[in-house]
Amino acid sequence: MKAVVLALLLPIAAGAQSSTGSITGHVTDEASKPVNGATVRLVGAPYGSRSHDDGAFRIDFVPTGTYQVRVTIIGFNPDTQTVVVRAGSPIDVTVKLHAAAVNLPAIMAYAPRMGETQAAALDKQKDADNIVSVLPGDEIRALPNANAAEAAGRIPGVSLERDEGEGKFVQVRGTEPRLQNVTVDGSHVPGTESGDRIVKLDDVPAGLLGAI
């Protein structure tokens, strides 16, 4: 019984294989360099493939007939060619894609001023509800300040405690450093000395400061 079934199926399979063909080819750009990842499809038929690193592609088991091969990939204009598929005879197609010129819309980049000028510092002092002295970033970087303590020492009423000749702690109107409150962008800075709230300002480079 099994032998009879095989004898009946073999002619059908042979007939199906004899009515299909293959489409092979390469996808290149204008400089004849291979294009990888291009989509190759037959218009109006569920057959397709993608080009490989060398630009080659292959579509097998395509029924005989006339098809339009359409090749698309981002950055290139689509290309369409007409091919005739014959049984048992692969059709070779060479597709040369042309780069697509795209005019992108204009992009405007903008950012607010950081307020590091002397004029911005004076505005902060004028608008403050209490007595405020502001040293702007432009002035900090214009003077030879080694660290934040050295820069803060240039504000009226501020003196320094030095260690090996370099400013380390600040005193505001003569009060000792442990009574100062230091914030960075509004966030309180904890003490850097063990068991004390004193903040070492010599650890902060003056070039990173926008204002004091």
Protein backbone atom coordinates (compact mmCIF):
# COMPACT_ATOMS: atom_id res chain seq x y z
CA MET A 1 0.00 0.00 0.00
CA LYS A 2 2.85 2.44 0.86
CA ALA A 3 4.56 1.77 -2.45
CA VAL A 4 1.40 2.68 -4.38
CA VAL A 5 1.04 6.01 -2.54
CA LEU A 6 4.66 6.98 -3.27
CA ALA A 7 4.26 6.13 -6.91
CA LEU A 8 1.28 8.47 -7.15
CA LEU A 9 2.96 11.39 -5.28
CA LEU A 10 6.29 11.43 -7.10
CA PRO A 11 4.93 12.66 -10.45
CA ILE A 12 3.04 15.46 -8.68
CA ALA A 13 6.16 16.63 -6.81
CA ALA A 14 8.23 16.45 -9.96
CA GLY A 15 5.64 18.51 -11.79
CA ALA A 16 5.60 21.14 -9.03
CA GLN A 17 9.40 21.49 -9.07
CA SER A 18 9.52 21.79 -12.85
CA SER A 19 7.12 24.79 -12.81
CA THR A 20 9.26 26.99 -10.52
CA GLY A 21 12.50 28.90 -10.96
CA SER A 22 14.92 31.13 -9.03
CA ILE A 23 15.87 34.79 -9.05
CA THR A 24 19.41 35.71 -8.04
CA GLY A 25 21.34 38.93 -8.20
CA HIS A 26 23.39 41.66 -6.53
CA VAL A 27 22.48 45.05 -5.09
CA THR A 28 25.10 47.80 -5.38
CA ASP A 29 25.26 51.56 -5.08
CA GLU A 30 26.42 54.11 -7.62
CA ALA A 31 30.06 53.35 -6.78
CA SER A 32 29.45 49.60 -7.40
CA LYS A 33 29.83 48.84 -3.69
CA PRO A 34 27.56 46.10 -2.29
CA VAL A 35 24.48 47.22 -0.35
CA ASN A 36 23.68 45.08 2.68
CA GLY A 37 20.16 44.71 4.08
CA ALA A 38 18.19 45.82 1.02
CA THR A 39 14.66 44.36 0.79
CA VAL A 40 14.00 42.50 -2.47
CA ARG A 41 10.35 41.66 -3.17
CA LEU A 42 8.24 40.51 -6.08
CA VAL A 43 5.42 42.97 -6.66
CA GLY A 44 2.06 41.28 -6.19
CA ALA A 45 3.57 37.98 -5.02
CA PRO A 46 4.52 36.66 -1.57
CA TYR A 47 8.17 36.10 -2.42
CA GLY A 48 11.15 38.11 -1.23
CA SER A 49 14.60 38.17 0.28
CA ARG A 50 17.30 40.49 1.66
CA SER A 51 20.73 41.29 0.32
CA HIS A 52 23.75 40.00 2.25
CA ASP A 53 27.09 41.60 3.08
CA ASP A 54 28.29 41.13 -0.49
CA GLY A 55 25.02 42.51 -1.88
CA ALA A 56 23.88 39.10 -3.15
CA PHE A 57 20.31 37.84 -2.81
CA ARG A 58 18.38 34.77 -3.93
CA ILE A 59 14.67 33.93 -4.18
CA ASP A 60 13.83 30.25 -4.77
CA PHE A 61 10.66 28.32 -5.72
CA VAL A 62 9.15 31.18 -7.70
CA PRO A 63 6.38 30.03 -10.09
CA THR A 64 7.13 30.65 -13.72
CA GLY A 65 5.88 33.91 -15.12
CA THR A 66 6.68 37.60 -15.45
CA TYR A 67 7.34 39.60 -12.27
CA GLN A 68 8.50 43.01 -11.18
CA VAL A 69 11.42 42.90 -8.74
CA ARG A 70 11.37 45.88 -6.37
CA VAL A 71 14.41 46.74 -4.23
CA THR A 72 14.12 49.19 -1.33
CA ILE A 73 16.36 50.39 1.51
CA ILE A 74 16.50 53.54 3.58
CA GLY A 75 18.78 56.18 2.06
CA PHE A 76 18.33 55.06 -1.56
CA ASN A 77 15.66 55.55 -4.19
CA PRO A 78 13.65 52.34 -4.87
CA ASP A 79 14.44 50.41 -8.04
CA THR A 80 12.07 48.15 -10.00
CA GLN A 81 12.99 45.72 -12.76
CA THR A 82 10.91 43.28 -14.82
CA VAL A 83 12.05 39.65 -14.97
CA VAL A 84 10.72 36.50 -16.61
CA VAL A 85 11.05 33.37 -14.46
CA ARG A 86 11.48 30.11 -16.37
CA ALA A 87 11.39 26.62 -14.96
CA GLY A 88 14.76 25.29 -13.85
CA SER A 89 16.64 28.35 -15.11
CA PRO A 90 17.76 30.98 -12.52
CA ILE A 91 17.40 34.61 -13.56
CA ASP A 92 20.27 36.91 -12.59
CA VAL A 93 19.44 40.54 -11.79
CA THR A 94 21.87 43.39 -11.12
CA VAL A 95 20.37 46.33 -9.23
CA LYS A 96 22.22 49.62 -8.89
CA LEU A 97 20.62 51.92 -6.34
CA HIS A 98 20.97 55.70 -6.36
CA ALA A 99 21.30 57.64 -3.13
CA ALA A 100 18.20 59.61 -2.14
CA ALA A 101 18.80 63.29 -1.44
CA VAL A 102 16.59 64.44 1.42
CA ASN A 103 16.23 68.04 2.57
CA LEU A 104 15.91 67.89 6.34
CA PRO A 105 13.94 70.58 8.17
CA ALA A 106 15.88 73.27 9.98
CA ILE A 107 16.64 72.67 13.65
CA MET A 108 17.14 75.54 16.07
CA ALA A 109 19.11 74.85 19.23
CA TYR A 110 18.87 77.36 22.04
CA ALA A 111 19.71 77.56 25.73
CA PRO A 112 19.20 80.22 28.39
CA ARG A 113 22.18 82.17 29.68
CA MET A 114 23.60 80.67 32.85
CA GLY A 115 23.62 84.01 34.65
CA GLU A 116 27.35 83.99 35.32
CA THR A 117 27.96 87.63 34.36
CA GLN A 118 28.53 90.59 36.65
CA ALA A 119 25.20 92.09 35.54
CA ALA A 120 23.34 88.89 36.53
CA ALA A 121 25.08 88.93 39.93
CA LEU A 122 23.99 92.52 40.57
CA ASP A 123 20.41 91.63 39.63
CA LYS A 124 20.42 88.78 42.18
CA GLN A 125 21.69 91.13 44.89
CA LYS A 126 19.07 93.75 44.03
CA ASP A 127 16.15 91.31 43.94
CA ALA A 128 17.10 89.40 47.11
CA ASP A 129 14.92 89.75 50.22
CA ASN A 130 17.95 89.90 52.50
CA ILE A 131 21.56 91.05 52.27
CA VAL A 132 23.30 88.96 49.60
CA SER A 133 26.74 89.18 48.02
CA VAL A 134 27.15 87.34 44.72
CA LEU A 135 30.46 86.50 43.04
CA PRO A 136 29.67 85.55 39.38
CA GLY A 137 31.34 82.75 37.47
CA ASP A 138 32.93 85.12 34.95
CA GLU A 139 34.75 86.92 37.76
CA ILE A 140 35.74 83.66 39.46
CA ARG A 141 37.40 82.38 36.29
CA ALA A 142 38.99 85.74 35.50
CA LEU A 143 41.02 85.66 38.75
CA PRO A 144 43.66 83.10 39.84
CA ASN A 145 41.46 81.11 42.23
CA ALA A 146 42.73 77.64 43.04
CA ASN A 147 39.49 76.41 44.60
CA ALA A 148 36.07 77.46 45.87
CA ALA A 149 37.47 78.67 49.19
CA GLU A 150 39.95 80.97 47.46
CA ALA A 151 37.15 82.38 45.30
CA ALA A 152 34.79 82.87 48.26
CA GLY A 153 37.54 84.75 50.09
CA ARG A 154 37.18 87.59 47.56
CA ILE A 155 33.63 88.36 48.74
CA PRO A 156 33.42 91.26 51.24
CA GLY A 157 33.05 90.01 54.82
CA VAL A 158 34.51 86.57 54.05
CA SER A 159 37.91 85.48 55.36
CA LEU A 160 39.80 82.22 54.99
CA GLU A 161 41.41 79.61 57.17
CA ARG A 162 44.44 78.35 55.27
CA ASP A 163 46.23 75.03 55.31
CA GLU A 164 49.76 75.01 53.89
CA GLY A 165 49.08 78.39 52.31
CA GLU A 166 45.91 77.32 50.47
CA GLY A 167 42.41 78.40 51.47
CA LYS A 168 40.49 75.55 53.06
CA PHE A 169 37.62 76.88 55.24
CA VAL A 170 35.69 80.16 55.12
CA GLN A 171 34.62 82.52 57.88
CA VAL A 172 31.64 84.83 57.30
CA ARG A 173 31.99 88.05 59.32
CA GLY A 174 34.35 86.37 61.75
CA THR A 175 32.16 83.39 62.68
CA GLU A 176 33.97 80.08 62.86
CA PRO A 177 33.66 77.63 59.93
CA ARG A 178 31.52 75.10 61.81
CA LEU A 179 28.71 77.67 61.92
CA GLN A 180 28.52 78.07 58.15
CA ASN A 181 25.84 76.45 55.99
CA VAL A 182 27.02 75.39 52.52
CA THR A 183 24.61 74.48 49.71
CA VAL A 184 25.24 73.43 46.10
CA ASP A 185 22.34 74.30 43.78
CA GLY A 186 20.09 74.50 46.85
CA SER A 187 21.14 71.12 48.28
CA HIS A 188 22.83 71.13 51.69
CA VAL A 189 26.40 69.79 51.79
CA PRO A 190 27.21 67.64 54.84
CA GLY A 191 30.37 68.18 56.82
CA THR A 192 33.52 66.67 55.39
CA GLU A 193 35.37 66.49 58.72
CA SER A 194 34.76 63.56 61.07
CA GLY A 195 32.24 64.49 63.77
CA ASP A 196 31.84 68.07 62.54
CA ARG A 197 29.75 70.00 60.00
CA ILE A 198 32.72 71.91 58.58
CA VAL A 199 32.87 71.72 54.78
CA LYS A 200 36.26 71.71 53.08
CA LEU A 201 35.89 74.05 50.11
CA ASP A 202 39.38 73.36 48.81
CA ASP A 203 38.03 70.12 47.33
CA VAL A 204 35.85 72.06 44.86
CA PRO A 205 37.66 73.45 41.75
CA ALA A 206 36.90 77.11 41.14
CA GLY A 207 36.42 76.47 37.40
CA LEU A 208 33.24 74.46 38.07
CA LEU A 209 31.45 77.31 39.85
CA GLY A 210 28.71 79.34 38.22
CA ALA A 211 28.45 81.72 41.18
CA ILE A 212 28.99 81.95 44.93
